[in-house]
Structure formats: structure tokens, C-alpha cells
Amino acid sequence: MSPTQTARTYVPSVRGDAMLLTHGRKGTAEDLLLVSAAVVLDGALGGHIQVVGRRFLGIERRRVVAGALVDDAPLLMADLRSRVLEATPDDPWGWFDRAALFALERVSAELAGAGVTTPLRLSGARRLLRHDTLIVAESAEDAARARLLAALTGAGTSSSIALGAILLHIGLLDEIVGRRDTRRLESAVRGLPSSAQAFLAVLRDQRRREAQLAY
């Protein structure tokens, strides 16, 4: 396979499938959290970053650290590791916030380079409502949806299971695939690497706190 062909091959990932299924939508806090969490989860699944420590007596003691250097790591994952390595220590939620500053632009570039999306040429006017940023190849979107549906049966890949859990915990799963039984998905999450589970637990706990405050 030539270098050009390699550059235009989409390798399924949490971040890529998240953007394919939402068309790179932006405009709400949930949209931004989805893509930033997806980038961070890819980092954890690939061993590029790790979570160490634990929450103790209600005090957040977990910290995100750089993982081992991975040969031939995707540029975005190598960059994420470098950012963690060079930054002041921060907890998992802090890295969701930090990744939000670059995730949408970088993942959009990856997908365009793989030939599965085309950026929407939008005016430079500030948009106050939710809107798509990508035109997505129908075949790529259908394949991403099939991977997500497999995750809901507990038979998905690590990346599709992680994406399903992110969507569940930030309240977007029903919007993407309709109301579904998530028990097998939640069980499958327990088979993910511990750092990935830690990041997902942070999202889950935040969702629960928000639900409690709503009552």
C-alpha cells in the first residue's frame, strides 16, 4: 500500500466515530464534551495517557500522566501524550476541558485526510444554534453506527464500547440510536483498560450529580 493510500484509510476510533455520527456538530456543552472525551478515551485505550491515583474521601486525587511512547502513534495521540507530559498535573475532568481546546479541529482534519468527510464551508458569522461542521460519507456513517450498535450488545470493539459509554453518560445516546437497553454496554465497559474506565467513571459521576441537582 502506498503512503497516499495509507493516509486516506480511516481507522475506526472513539474520536472519529463520534464525529461521523454527529457530523462534527457543535453548539452545546455536550457536543464539545463528546469530542474532547473521545480524544482522551482514545489516548487511554492506546496507552498514550494513563490515570493514576484514586478518589479518596470525596477528594479528587487522580491525575492524568503520560503513558509509554508508542511507535507509529497517530499524530493526534502523540500530541496528546506530549501535552500531558509537559503540562502541570491535572485530574481527568481537567483533561476533558484541555482537550476541548483542540479536539474538534484536529479530529476534523484527521477525518478529512482519511477521505470520509468534507468540511462544511460556513460563513464566519458567530453561530448561536447547534450546527454541523462536516459533510459525512454515508458509508462511513453507517459503518460507525453499526459499530456502536454492536457495542450495545456487548460485542463491540474497545473503541465502540467507550464511545457508547461516553454517549450514555453525557445524555446523547438516545439521540444517536434511539432508546436502548444499556446493560450489556455497561457490563462491557468493565473489560476496558483501567484508565479508560476511570475517565468514563468521571463522566458517569458528573451525570449523576447533575441529575441530583435537577430534583
N, C-alpha and C. Protein backbone atom coordinates (compact mmCIF):
# COMPACT_ATOMS: atom_id res chain seq x y z
N MET A 1 0.85 -1.19 0.00
CA MET A 1 0.00 0.00 0.00
C MET A 1 0.88 1.24 0.00
N SER A 2 0.56 2.19 -0.82
CA SER A 2 1.36 3.40 -0.92
C SER A 2 1.09 4.32 0.25
N PRO A 3 2.00 5.28 0.56
CA PRO A 3 1.76 6.24 1.62
C PRO A 3 0.47 7.02 1.42
N THR A 4 0.17 7.33 0.15
CA THR A 4 -1.06 8.08 -0.11
C THR A 4 -2.28 7.28 0.28
N GLN A 5 -2.29 5.99 -0.07
CA GLN A 5 -3.41 5.14 0.29
C GLN A 5 -3.55 5.02 1.80
N THR A 6 -2.44 4.88 2.50
CA THR A 6 -2.47 4.76 3.95
C THR A 6 -3.09 6.01 4.58
N ALA A 7 -2.70 7.19 4.06
CA ALA A 7 -3.19 8.44 4.61
C ALA A 7 -4.70 8.58 4.43
N ARG A 8 -5.26 7.88 3.43
CA ARG A 8 -6.67 8.02 3.16
C ARG A 8 -7.48 6.82 3.63
N THR A 9 -6.93 6.07 4.57
CA THR A 9 -7.65 4.94 5.14
C THR A 9 -8.13 5.32 6.54
N TYR A 10 -9.43 5.24 6.75
CA TYR A 10 -9.97 5.57 8.06
C TYR A 10 -9.87 4.37 8.98
N VAL A 11 -9.19 4.53 10.09
CA VAL A 11 -9.10 3.50 11.12
C VAL A 11 -10.09 3.87 12.21
N PRO A 12 -11.11 3.05 12.45
CA PRO A 12 -12.13 3.40 13.44
C PRO A 12 -11.52 3.75 14.80
N SER A 13 -12.06 4.77 15.41
CA SER A 13 -11.59 5.24 16.71
C SER A 13 -12.77 5.84 17.45
N VAL A 14 -12.59 6.09 18.73
CA VAL A 14 -13.64 6.74 19.50
C VAL A 14 -13.90 8.13 18.92
N ARG A 15 -12.82 8.88 18.73
CA ARG A 15 -12.97 10.27 18.27
C ARG A 15 -13.55 10.35 16.86
N GLY A 16 -13.08 9.47 15.98
CA GLY A 16 -13.56 9.52 14.61
C GLY A 16 -15.02 9.14 14.50
N ASP A 17 -15.41 8.05 15.14
CA ASP A 17 -16.81 7.62 15.08
C ASP A 17 -17.73 8.63 15.74
N ALA A 18 -17.28 9.27 16.82
CA ALA A 18 -18.09 10.30 17.47
C ALA A 18 -18.41 11.43 16.49
N MET A 19 -17.42 11.83 15.71
CA MET A 19 -17.62 12.92 14.76
C MET A 19 -18.43 12.47 13.55
N LEU A 20 -18.24 11.23 13.11
CA LEU A 20 -19.00 10.72 11.97
C LEU A 20 -20.49 10.66 12.31
N LEU A 21 -20.81 10.24 13.51
CA LEU A 21 -22.21 10.07 13.90
C LEU A 21 -22.91 11.38 14.19
N THR A 22 -22.17 12.41 14.55
CA THR A 22 -22.78 13.71 14.86
C THR A 22 -22.50 14.75 13.79
N HIS A 23 -21.76 14.37 12.74
CA HIS A 23 -21.37 15.30 11.68
C HIS A 23 -20.57 16.48 12.22
N GLY A 24 -19.77 16.19 13.25
CA GLY A 24 -18.94 17.24 13.82
C GLY A 24 -19.75 18.37 14.43
N ARG A 25 -20.92 18.04 14.92
CA ARG A 25 -21.83 19.08 15.41
C ARG A 25 -21.21 19.84 16.58
N LYS A 26 -21.51 21.12 16.65
CA LYS A 26 -21.07 21.94 17.76
C LYS A 26 -22.18 22.91 18.14
N GLY A 27 -22.06 23.52 19.29
CA GLY A 27 -23.07 24.50 19.70
C GLY A 27 -23.55 24.32 21.11
N THR A 28 -23.29 23.14 21.72
CA THR A 28 -23.68 22.94 23.11
C THR A 28 -22.50 22.38 23.88
N ALA A 29 -22.60 22.45 25.20
CA ALA A 29 -21.54 21.90 26.05
C ALA A 29 -21.40 20.41 25.84
N GLU A 30 -22.52 19.71 25.61
CA GLU A 30 -22.47 18.26 25.39
C GLU A 30 -21.73 17.91 24.11
N ASP A 31 -21.94 18.69 23.06
CA ASP A 31 -21.25 18.45 21.80
C ASP A 31 -19.74 18.57 21.98
N LEU A 32 -19.31 19.60 22.69
CA LEU A 32 -17.89 19.82 22.91
C LEU A 32 -17.30 18.75 23.81
N LEU A 33 -18.05 18.36 24.84
CA LEU A 33 -17.57 17.32 25.74
C LEU A 33 -17.44 15.99 25.02
N LEU A 34 -18.35 15.70 24.10
CA LEU A 34 -18.29 14.44 23.36
C LEU A 34 -16.97 14.29 22.64
N VAL A 35 -16.58 15.28 21.85
CA VAL A 35 -15.36 15.13 21.05
C VAL A 35 -14.11 15.20 21.92
N SER A 36 -14.12 16.02 22.98
CA SER A 36 -12.94 16.09 23.84
C SER A 36 -12.78 14.79 24.62
N ALA A 37 -13.88 14.25 25.14
CA ALA A 37 -13.81 12.99 25.87
C ALA A 37 -13.39 11.85 24.94
N ALA A 38 -13.84 11.90 23.70
CA ALA A 38 -13.48 10.86 22.74
C ALA A 38 -11.98 10.85 22.47
N VAL A 39 -11.39 12.03 22.34
CA VAL A 39 -9.94 12.11 22.13
C VAL A 39 -9.20 11.55 23.35
N VAL A 40 -9.65 11.94 24.53
CA VAL A 40 -9.00 11.48 25.76
C VAL A 40 -9.14 9.96 25.91
N LEU A 41 -10.31 9.42 25.59
CA LEU A 41 -10.51 7.97 25.70
C LEU A 41 -9.65 7.22 24.71
N ASP A 42 -9.48 7.75 23.50
CA ASP A 42 -8.56 7.11 22.56
C ASP A 42 -7.15 7.09 23.15
N GLY A 43 -6.78 8.17 23.81
CA GLY A 43 -5.47 8.20 24.46
C GLY A 43 -5.32 7.13 25.51
N ALA A 44 -6.36 6.94 26.31
CA ALA A 44 -6.30 5.93 27.36
C ALA A 44 -6.32 4.52 26.78
N LEU A 45 -7.14 4.28 25.77
CA LEU A 45 -7.22 2.94 25.17
C LEU A 45 -5.91 2.56 24.49
N GLY A 46 -5.22 3.55 23.92
CA GLY A 46 -3.96 3.26 23.24
C GLY A 46 -2.75 3.27 24.15
N GLY A 47 -2.95 3.56 25.44
CA GLY A 47 -1.84 3.60 26.37
C GLY A 47 -1.00 4.86 26.26
N HIS A 48 -1.49 5.85 25.53
CA HIS A 48 -0.74 7.10 25.36
C HIS A 48 -0.79 7.94 26.63
N ILE A 49 -1.89 7.85 27.36
CA ILE A 49 -2.04 8.52 28.64
C ILE A 49 -2.65 7.55 29.64
N GLN A 50 -2.47 7.84 30.91
CA GLN A 50 -2.98 6.97 31.96
C GLN A 50 -3.54 7.80 33.11
N VAL A 51 -4.38 7.17 33.90
CA VAL A 51 -4.89 7.79 35.13
C VAL A 51 -4.27 7.06 36.30
N VAL A 52 -3.67 7.80 37.21
CA VAL A 52 -3.06 7.21 38.40
C VAL A 52 -3.72 7.82 39.64
N GLY A 53 -3.61 7.12 40.76
CA GLY A 53 -4.22 7.59 41.99
C GLY A 53 -5.68 7.22 42.07
N ARG A 54 -6.36 7.75 43.07
CA ARG A 54 -7.78 7.44 43.24
C ARG A 54 -8.48 8.55 44.00
N ARG A 55 -9.77 8.54 43.90
CA ARG A 55 -10.58 9.48 44.67
C ARG A 55 -10.71 8.95 46.09
N PHE A 56 -10.44 9.78 47.09
CA PHE A 56 -10.41 9.29 48.47
C PHE A 56 -11.15 10.27 49.37
N LEU A 57 -12.18 9.76 50.06
CA LEU A 57 -12.99 10.55 50.97
C LEU A 57 -13.52 11.83 50.31
N GLY A 58 -13.96 11.65 49.08
CA GLY A 58 -14.54 12.77 48.35
C GLY A 58 -13.54 13.73 47.76
N ILE A 59 -12.25 13.46 47.93
CA ILE A 59 -11.21 14.35 47.41
C ILE A 59 -10.63 13.73 46.14
N GLU A 60 -10.58 14.51 45.08
CA GLU A 60 -10.06 14.03 43.80
C GLU A 60 -8.54 13.96 43.86
N ARG A 61 -8.01 12.75 43.90
CA ARG A 61 -6.56 12.56 43.93
C ARG A 61 -6.04 11.93 42.64
N ARG A 62 -6.93 11.64 41.71
CA ARG A 62 -6.50 11.05 40.45
C ARG A 62 -5.81 12.10 39.58
N ARG A 63 -4.78 11.65 38.88
CA ARG A 63 -4.06 12.54 37.98
C ARG A 63 -3.80 11.83 36.65
N VAL A 64 -3.79 12.61 35.60
CA VAL A 64 -3.51 12.09 34.26
C VAL A 64 -2.02 12.23 34.00
N VAL A 65 -1.38 11.13 33.58
CA VAL A 65 0.05 11.14 33.30
C VAL A 65 0.28 10.56 31.91
N ALA A 66 1.46 10.83 31.37
CA ALA A 66 1.81 10.29 30.06
C ALA A 66 2.07 8.79 30.16
N GLY A 67 1.64 8.06 29.15
CA GLY A 67 1.94 6.64 29.07
C GLY A 67 3.26 6.41 28.37
N ALA A 68 3.52 5.17 28.02
CA ALA A 68 4.75 4.83 27.30
C ALA A 68 4.71 5.40 25.89
N LEU A 69 5.86 5.71 25.36
CA LEU A 69 5.96 6.20 23.98
C LEU A 69 5.59 5.06 23.04
N VAL A 70 4.62 5.31 22.16
CA VAL A 70 4.12 4.29 21.24
C VAL A 70 4.66 4.59 19.84
N ASP A 71 5.39 3.62 19.28
CA ASP A 71 5.89 3.79 17.91
C ASP A 71 4.72 3.90 16.94
N ASP A 72 4.85 4.78 15.96
CA ASP A 72 3.84 4.97 14.92
C ASP A 72 2.49 5.39 15.48
N ALA A 73 2.49 6.07 16.61
CA ALA A 73 1.23 6.56 17.17
C ALA A 73 0.63 7.61 16.22
N PRO A 74 -0.69 7.66 16.09
CA PRO A 74 -1.31 8.74 15.31
C PRO A 74 -0.82 10.09 15.82
N LEU A 75 -0.68 11.05 14.93
CA LEU A 75 -0.14 12.35 15.32
C LEU A 75 -0.91 12.99 16.46
N LEU A 76 -2.23 12.87 16.44
CA LEU A 76 -3.03 13.48 17.50
C LEU A 76 -2.76 12.80 18.84
N MET A 77 -2.59 11.49 18.83
CA MET A 77 -2.33 10.78 20.08
C MET A 77 -0.92 11.10 20.61
N ALA A 78 0.04 11.22 19.71
CA ALA A 78 1.39 11.61 20.12
C ALA A 78 1.38 13.01 20.70
N ASP A 79 0.58 13.88 20.09
CA ASP A 79 0.48 15.25 20.58
C ASP A 79 -0.20 15.29 21.95
N LEU A 80 -1.24 14.50 22.12
CA LEU A 80 -1.93 14.43 23.42
C LEU A 80 -0.96 13.98 24.50
N ARG A 81 -0.19 12.94 24.23
CA ARG A 81 0.78 12.46 25.21
C ARG A 81 1.79 13.56 25.55
N SER A 82 2.27 14.27 24.54
CA SER A 82 3.24 15.34 24.77
C SER A 82 2.64 16.46 25.61
N ARG A 83 1.40 16.78 25.35
CA ARG A 83 0.73 17.82 26.14
C ARG A 83 0.64 17.42 27.60
N VAL A 84 0.28 16.15 27.85
CA VAL A 84 0.19 15.67 29.23
C VAL A 84 1.56 15.67 29.88
N LEU A 85 2.56 15.23 29.13
CA LEU A 85 3.92 15.15 29.67
C LEU A 85 4.45 16.52 30.07
N GLU A 86 4.12 17.54 29.29
CA GLU A 86 4.69 18.87 29.51
C GLU A 86 3.83 19.76 30.41
N ALA A 87 2.58 19.39 30.63
CA ALA A 87 1.67 20.26 31.37
C ALA A 87 1.78 20.06 32.88
N THR A 88 1.25 21.00 33.62
CA THR A 88 1.13 20.82 35.06
C THR A 88 0.12 19.70 35.31
N PRO A 89 0.31 18.92 36.38
CA PRO A 89 -0.60 17.79 36.64
C PRO A 89 -2.05 18.25 36.76
N ASP A 90 -2.94 17.43 36.23
CA ASP A 90 -4.36 17.76 36.29
C ASP A 90 -5.16 16.47 36.42
N ASP A 91 -6.40 16.61 36.87
CA ASP A 91 -7.26 15.44 37.06
C ASP A 91 -7.97 15.10 35.75
N PRO A 92 -8.69 13.98 35.70
CA PRO A 92 -9.34 13.57 34.44
C PRO A 92 -10.28 14.62 33.86
N TRP A 93 -11.11 15.24 34.69
CA TRP A 93 -12.03 16.24 34.15
C TRP A 93 -11.26 17.42 33.58
N GLY A 94 -10.17 17.78 34.22
CA GLY A 94 -9.34 18.86 33.72
C GLY A 94 -8.85 18.59 32.32
N TRP A 95 -8.57 17.31 32.01
CA TRP A 95 -8.11 16.99 30.66
C TRP A 95 -9.23 16.94 29.64
N PHE A 96 -10.47 16.71 30.09
CA PHE A 96 -11.59 16.89 29.17
C PHE A 96 -11.65 18.36 28.75
N ASP A 97 -11.49 19.27 29.72
CA ASP A 97 -11.51 20.70 29.42
C ASP A 97 -10.35 21.09 28.51
N ARG A 98 -9.17 20.57 28.79
CA ARG A 98 -8.00 20.95 27.98
C ARG A 98 -8.13 20.43 26.55
N ALA A 99 -8.60 19.20 26.41
CA ALA A 99 -8.74 18.63 25.06
C ALA A 99 -9.80 19.37 24.25
N ALA A 100 -10.76 19.98 24.93
CA ALA A 100 -11.81 20.70 24.22
C ALA A 100 -11.27 21.86 23.40
N LEU A 101 -10.08 22.33 23.73
CA LEU A 101 -9.50 23.48 23.04
C LEU A 101 -9.00 23.12 21.64
N PHE A 102 -8.73 21.82 21.40
CA PHE A 102 -8.16 21.45 20.10
C PHE A 102 -8.82 20.24 19.45
N ALA A 103 -9.68 19.55 20.17
CA ALA A 103 -10.19 18.26 19.69
C ALA A 103 -10.98 18.38 18.39
N LEU A 104 -11.93 19.29 18.32
CA LEU A 104 -12.79 19.36 17.14
C LEU A 104 -11.98 19.64 15.88
N GLU A 105 -11.09 20.59 15.94
CA GLU A 105 -10.30 20.94 14.77
C GLU A 105 -9.39 19.80 14.34
N ARG A 106 -8.73 19.16 15.32
CA ARG A 106 -7.77 18.11 14.97
C ARG A 106 -8.45 16.85 14.45
N VAL A 107 -9.56 16.47 15.05
CA VAL A 107 -10.26 15.27 14.57
C VAL A 107 -10.88 15.54 13.20
N SER A 108 -11.39 16.74 13.00
CA SER A 108 -11.93 17.10 11.68
C SER A 108 -10.86 16.94 10.60
N ALA A 109 -9.64 17.37 10.93
CA ALA A 109 -8.54 17.25 9.96
C ALA A 109 -8.20 15.79 9.70
N GLU A 110 -8.22 14.96 10.73
CA GLU A 110 -7.95 13.53 10.54
C GLU A 110 -8.98 12.91 9.60
N LEU A 111 -10.24 13.20 9.82
CA LEU A 111 -11.30 12.59 9.00
C LEU A 111 -11.24 13.08 7.56
N ALA A 112 -10.95 14.36 7.39
CA ALA A 112 -10.81 14.88 6.03
C ALA A 112 -9.64 14.21 5.32
N GLY A 113 -8.54 14.01 6.06
CA GLY A 113 -7.37 13.35 5.49
C GLY A 113 -7.63 11.91 5.12
N ALA A 114 -8.56 11.27 5.84
CA ALA A 114 -8.92 9.88 5.53
C ALA A 114 -9.95 9.79 4.41
N GLY A 115 -10.44 10.93 3.95
CA GLY A 115 -11.37 10.93 2.83
C GLY A 115 -12.79 10.54 3.15
N VAL A 116 -13.20 10.63 4.43
CA VAL A 116 -14.56 10.23 4.79
C VAL A 116 -15.46 11.41 5.13
N THR A 117 -14.89 12.62 5.16
CA THR A 117 -15.69 13.81 5.42
C THR A 117 -15.20 14.96 4.54
N THR A 118 -16.07 15.96 4.42
CA THR A 118 -15.72 17.21 3.77
C THR A 118 -16.15 18.34 4.71
N PRO A 119 -15.28 19.28 5.01
CA PRO A 119 -15.68 20.39 5.90
C PRO A 119 -16.80 21.20 5.26
N LEU A 120 -17.77 21.57 6.08
CA LEU A 120 -18.82 22.46 5.60
C LEU A 120 -18.26 23.88 5.51
N ARG A 121 -18.46 24.54 4.40
CA ARG A 121 -17.98 25.90 4.23
C ARG A 121 -19.01 26.86 4.81
N LEU A 122 -18.84 27.16 6.07
CA LEU A 122 -19.79 28.03 6.75
C LEU A 122 -19.27 29.46 6.75
N SER A 123 -20.18 30.40 6.87
CA SER A 123 -19.78 31.80 6.97
C SER A 123 -19.04 32.02 8.27
N GLY A 124 -18.31 33.10 8.35
CA GLY A 124 -17.54 33.39 9.55
C GLY A 124 -18.37 33.98 10.67
N ALA A 125 -19.68 34.17 10.44
CA ALA A 125 -20.54 34.73 11.47
C ALA A 125 -20.66 33.78 12.65
N ARG A 126 -20.72 34.32 13.84
CA ARG A 126 -20.85 33.50 15.05
C ARG A 126 -22.22 32.82 15.06
N ARG A 127 -22.23 31.53 15.28
CA ARG A 127 -23.47 30.76 15.25
C ARG A 127 -23.92 30.44 16.66
N LEU A 128 -25.16 30.79 16.97
CA LEU A 128 -25.67 30.61 18.32
C LEU A 128 -26.42 29.30 18.49
N LEU A 129 -26.77 28.64 17.38
CA LEU A 129 -27.52 27.39 17.44
C LEU A 129 -26.63 26.23 17.06
N ARG A 130 -27.04 25.04 17.45
CA ARG A 130 -26.31 23.83 17.07
C ARG A 130 -26.21 23.72 15.55
N HIS A 131 -25.06 23.28 15.09
CA HIS A 131 -24.91 23.13 13.65
C HIS A 131 -23.81 22.11 13.34
N ASP A 132 -23.98 21.44 12.19
CA ASP A 132 -22.96 20.50 11.71
C ASP A 132 -21.76 21.28 11.18
N THR A 133 -20.61 20.64 11.24
CA THR A 133 -19.41 21.23 10.65
C THR A 133 -18.83 20.34 9.55
N LEU A 134 -19.39 19.13 9.38
CA LEU A 134 -18.84 18.19 8.41
C LEU A 134 -19.93 17.60 7.52
N ILE A 135 -19.59 17.35 6.27
CA ILE A 135 -20.40 16.50 5.39
C ILE A 135 -19.76 15.12 5.47
N VAL A 136 -20.54 14.12 5.85
CA VAL A 136 -20.01 12.79 6.14
C VAL A 136 -20.42 11.80 5.05
N ALA A 137 -19.47 10.99 4.60
CA ALA A 137 -19.78 9.93 3.65
C ALA A 137 -20.79 8.97 4.27
N GLU A 138 -21.86 8.68 3.54
CA GLU A 138 -22.93 7.84 4.09
C GLU A 138 -22.40 6.48 4.52
N SER A 139 -21.52 5.88 3.74
CA SER A 139 -20.99 4.56 4.08
C SER A 139 -20.18 4.60 5.37
N ALA A 140 -19.44 5.68 5.60
CA ALA A 140 -18.65 5.81 6.82
C ALA A 140 -19.55 5.98 8.03
N GLU A 141 -20.61 6.76 7.88
CA GLU A 141 -21.54 6.96 8.99
C GLU A 141 -22.27 5.65 9.31
N ASP A 142 -22.71 4.94 8.28
CA ASP A 142 -23.41 3.67 8.50
C ASP A 142 -22.51 2.67 9.22
N ALA A 143 -21.24 2.61 8.83
CA ALA A 143 -20.31 1.69 9.47
C ALA A 143 -20.09 2.07 10.93
N ALA A 144 -19.98 3.37 11.21
CA ALA A 144 -19.81 3.82 12.60
C ALA A 144 -21.03 3.47 13.43
N ARG A 145 -22.21 3.62 12.86
CA ARG A 145 -23.44 3.29 13.58
C ARG A 145 -23.51 1.79 13.86
N ALA A 146 -23.09 0.99 12.90
CA ALA A 146 -23.10 -0.46 13.10
C ALA A 146 -22.15 -0.85 14.23
N ARG A 147 -20.99 -0.19 14.31
CA ARG A 147 -20.05 -0.48 15.40
C ARG A 147 -20.65 -0.10 16.74
N LEU A 148 -21.34 1.03 16.79
CA LEU A 148 -21.96 1.46 18.04
C LEU A 148 -23.07 0.51 18.46
N LEU A 149 -23.88 0.07 17.51
CA LEU A 149 -24.95 -0.87 17.83
C LEU A 149 -24.39 -2.19 18.33
N ALA A 150 -23.27 -2.63 17.76
CA ALA A 150 -22.62 -3.85 18.25
C ALA A 150 -22.17 -3.67 19.70
N ALA A 151 -21.69 -2.47 20.03
CA ALA A 151 -21.24 -2.21 21.40
C ALA A 151 -22.40 -2.33 22.38
N LEU A 152 -23.59 -1.96 21.95
CA LEU A 152 -24.76 -2.03 22.83
C LEU A 152 -25.17 -3.47 23.12
N THR A 153 -24.70 -4.40 22.30
CA THR A 153 -24.95 -5.82 22.58
C THR A 153 -23.83 -6.43 23.43
N GLY A 154 -22.79 -5.62 23.71
CA GLY A 154 -21.65 -6.11 24.47
C GLY A 154 -20.60 -6.75 23.61
N ALA A 155 -20.79 -6.71 22.28
CA ALA A 155 -19.88 -7.41 21.37
C ALA A 155 -19.03 -6.45 20.54
N GLY A 156 -18.98 -5.19 20.92
CA GLY A 156 -18.24 -4.22 20.13
C GLY A 156 -16.75 -4.23 20.41
N THR A 157 -16.04 -3.38 19.69
CA THR A 157 -14.62 -3.19 19.94
C THR A 157 -14.45 -2.28 21.16
N SER A 158 -13.22 -2.18 21.63
CA SER A 158 -12.96 -1.31 22.78
C SER A 158 -13.36 0.13 22.47
N SER A 159 -13.06 0.60 21.26
CA SER A 159 -13.37 1.98 20.92
C SER A 159 -14.87 2.21 20.81
N SER A 160 -15.61 1.24 20.25
CA SER A 160 -17.06 1.43 20.13
C SER A 160 -17.75 1.34 21.49
N ILE A 161 -17.24 0.48 22.36
CA ILE A 161 -17.78 0.39 23.73
C ILE A 161 -17.53 1.69 24.47
N ALA A 162 -16.32 2.23 24.34
CA ALA A 162 -16.00 3.50 25.00
C ALA A 162 -16.89 4.62 24.47
N LEU A 163 -17.11 4.66 23.15
CA LEU A 163 -17.97 5.69 22.59
C LEU A 163 -19.40 5.55 23.10
N GLY A 164 -19.90 4.32 23.13
CA GLY A 164 -21.24 4.11 23.65
C GLY A 164 -21.38 4.62 25.08
N ALA A 165 -20.36 4.36 25.90
CA ALA A 165 -20.40 4.80 27.30
C ALA A 165 -20.34 6.32 27.40
N ILE A 166 -19.52 6.96 26.57
CA ILE A 166 -19.47 8.42 26.58
C ILE A 166 -20.84 8.99 26.23
N LEU A 167 -21.43 8.50 25.15
CA LEU A 167 -22.75 8.99 24.73
C LEU A 167 -23.79 8.77 25.82
N LEU A 168 -23.73 7.63 26.48
CA LEU A 168 -24.67 7.34 27.56
C LEU A 168 -24.51 8.34 28.70
N HIS A 169 -23.27 8.57 29.10
CA HIS A 169 -23.02 9.38 30.29
C HIS A 169 -23.21 10.88 30.06
N ILE A 170 -23.17 11.33 28.81
CA ILE A 170 -23.42 12.75 28.59
C ILE A 170 -24.82 13.00 28.00
N GLY A 171 -25.61 11.93 27.91
CA GLY A 171 -27.02 12.08 27.55
C GLY A 171 -27.31 12.19 26.07
N LEU A 172 -26.42 11.68 25.22
CA LEU A 172 -26.64 11.78 23.77
C LEU A 172 -26.94 10.43 23.11
N LEU A 173 -26.90 9.35 23.85
CA LEU A 173 -27.06 8.03 23.23
C LEU A 173 -28.43 7.86 22.59
N ASP A 174 -29.50 8.23 23.30
CA ASP A 174 -30.84 8.08 22.74
C ASP A 174 -31.00 8.88 21.45
N GLU A 175 -30.38 10.04 21.40
CA GLU A 175 -30.47 10.88 20.21
C GLU A 175 -29.81 10.23 19.00
N ILE A 176 -28.73 9.49 19.25
CA ILE A 176 -27.97 8.89 18.15
C ILE A 176 -28.59 7.58 17.67
N VAL A 177 -29.02 6.72 18.59
CA VAL A 177 -29.51 5.39 18.19
C VAL A 177 -30.90 5.06 18.72
N GLY A 178 -31.56 6.01 19.36
CA GLY A 178 -32.86 5.72 19.93
C GLY A 178 -32.72 5.07 21.31
N ARG A 179 -33.82 4.92 21.99
CA ARG A 179 -33.79 4.37 23.34
C ARG A 179 -33.41 2.89 23.29
N ARG A 180 -32.38 2.52 24.07
CA ARG A 180 -31.85 1.16 24.04
C ARG A 180 -31.57 0.66 25.45
N ASP A 181 -31.56 -0.66 25.59
CA ASP A 181 -31.12 -1.29 26.83
C ASP A 181 -29.59 -1.17 26.87
N THR A 182 -29.05 -0.62 27.94
CA THR A 182 -27.59 -0.38 28.00
C THR A 182 -26.87 -1.31 28.98
N ARG A 183 -27.57 -2.31 29.48
CA ARG A 183 -26.92 -3.16 30.49
C ARG A 183 -25.72 -3.92 29.94
N ARG A 184 -25.80 -4.41 28.73
CA ARG A 184 -24.66 -5.14 28.16
C ARG A 184 -23.50 -4.19 27.87
N LEU A 185 -23.82 -3.00 27.42
CA LEU A 185 -22.78 -1.99 27.20
C LEU A 185 -22.05 -1.69 28.50
N GLU A 186 -22.81 -1.44 29.56
CA GLU A 186 -22.20 -1.09 30.84
C GLU A 186 -21.37 -2.24 31.38
N SER A 187 -21.80 -3.46 31.13
CA SER A 187 -21.01 -4.62 31.54
C SER A 187 -19.72 -4.70 30.74
N ALA A 188 -19.81 -4.40 29.44
CA ALA A 188 -18.62 -4.48 28.58
C ALA A 188 -17.58 -3.44 28.97
N VAL A 189 -18.00 -2.32 29.52
CA VAL A 189 -17.06 -1.27 29.95
C VAL A 189 -16.07 -1.82 30.97
N ARG A 190 -16.51 -2.78 31.76
CA ARG A 190 -15.63 -3.35 32.80
C ARG A 190 -14.46 -4.13 32.20
N GLY A 191 -14.51 -4.41 30.91
CA GLY A 191 -13.40 -5.09 30.25
C GLY A 191 -12.40 -4.14 29.62
N LEU A 192 -12.64 -2.84 29.71
CA LEU A 192 -11.73 -1.86 29.14
C LEU A 192 -10.53 -1.64 30.07
N PRO A 193 -9.43 -1.10 29.57
CA PRO A 193 -8.28 -0.78 30.43
C PRO A 193 -8.70 0.10 31.59
N SER A 194 -8.00 -0.02 32.70
CA SER A 194 -8.40 0.69 33.92
C SER A 194 -8.43 2.21 33.74
N SER A 195 -7.50 2.76 32.99
CA SER A 195 -7.50 4.21 32.79
C SER A 195 -8.72 4.66 32.00
N ALA A 196 -9.12 3.87 31.00
CA ALA A 196 -10.32 4.20 30.24
C ALA A 196 -11.54 4.14 31.15
N GLN A 197 -11.61 3.14 32.01
CA GLN A 197 -12.71 3.03 32.96
C GLN A 197 -12.74 4.23 33.89
N ALA A 198 -11.57 4.70 34.30
CA ALA A 198 -11.51 5.85 35.21
C ALA A 198 -12.07 7.10 34.56
N PHE A 199 -11.69 7.36 33.31
CA PHE A 199 -12.23 8.52 32.61
C PHE A 199 -13.74 8.42 32.46
N LEU A 200 -14.23 7.24 32.11
CA LEU A 200 -15.67 7.05 31.94
C LEU A 200 -16.41 7.21 33.26
N ALA A 201 -15.80 6.77 34.35
CA ALA A 201 -16.42 6.92 35.66
C ALA A 201 -16.58 8.39 36.04
N VAL A 202 -15.64 9.21 35.63
CA VAL A 202 -15.74 10.65 35.88
C VAL A 202 -16.95 11.23 35.14
N LEU A 203 -17.14 10.83 33.90
CA LEU A 203 -18.31 11.29 33.13
C LEU A 203 -19.60 10.79 33.78
N ARG A 204 -19.61 9.53 34.17
CA ARG A 204 -20.81 8.95 34.80
C ARG A 204 -21.16 9.68 36.08
N ASP A 205 -20.17 9.92 36.92
CA ASP A 205 -20.42 10.57 38.21
C ASP A 205 -20.90 12.00 38.03
N GLN A 206 -20.35 12.69 37.03
CA GLN A 206 -20.81 14.06 36.76
C GLN A 206 -22.27 14.05 36.32
N ARG A 207 -22.63 13.09 35.50
CA ARG A 207 -24.01 12.97 35.03
C ARG A 207 -24.96 12.73 36.20
N ARG A 208 -24.54 11.88 37.15
CA ARG A 208 -25.36 11.60 38.31
C ARG A 208 -25.53 12.84 39.19
N ARG A 209 -24.45 13.61 39.36
CA ARG A 209 -24.53 14.83 40.16
C ARG A 209 -25.49 15.83 39.52
N GLU A 210 -25.43 15.95 38.21
CA GLU A 210 -26.32 16.86 37.52
C GLU A 210 -27.78 16.42 37.66
N ALA A 211 -28.01 15.10 37.61
CA ALA A 211 -29.37 14.59 37.76
C ALA A 211 -29.91 14.87 39.17
N GLN A 212 -29.04 14.73 40.16
CA GLN A 212 -29.46 15.00 41.54
C GLN A 212 -29.80 16.47 41.74
N LEU A 213 -29.02 17.35 41.12
CA LEU A 213 -29.26 18.79 41.26
C LEU A 213 -30.54 19.21 40.57
N ALA A 214 -30.97 18.40 39.59
CA ALA A 214 -32.17 18.75 38.83
C ALA A 214 -33.44 18.52 39.65
N TYR A 215 -33.34 17.73 40.72
CA TYR A 215 -34.52 17.44 41.54
C TYR A 215 -34.59 18.36 42.76
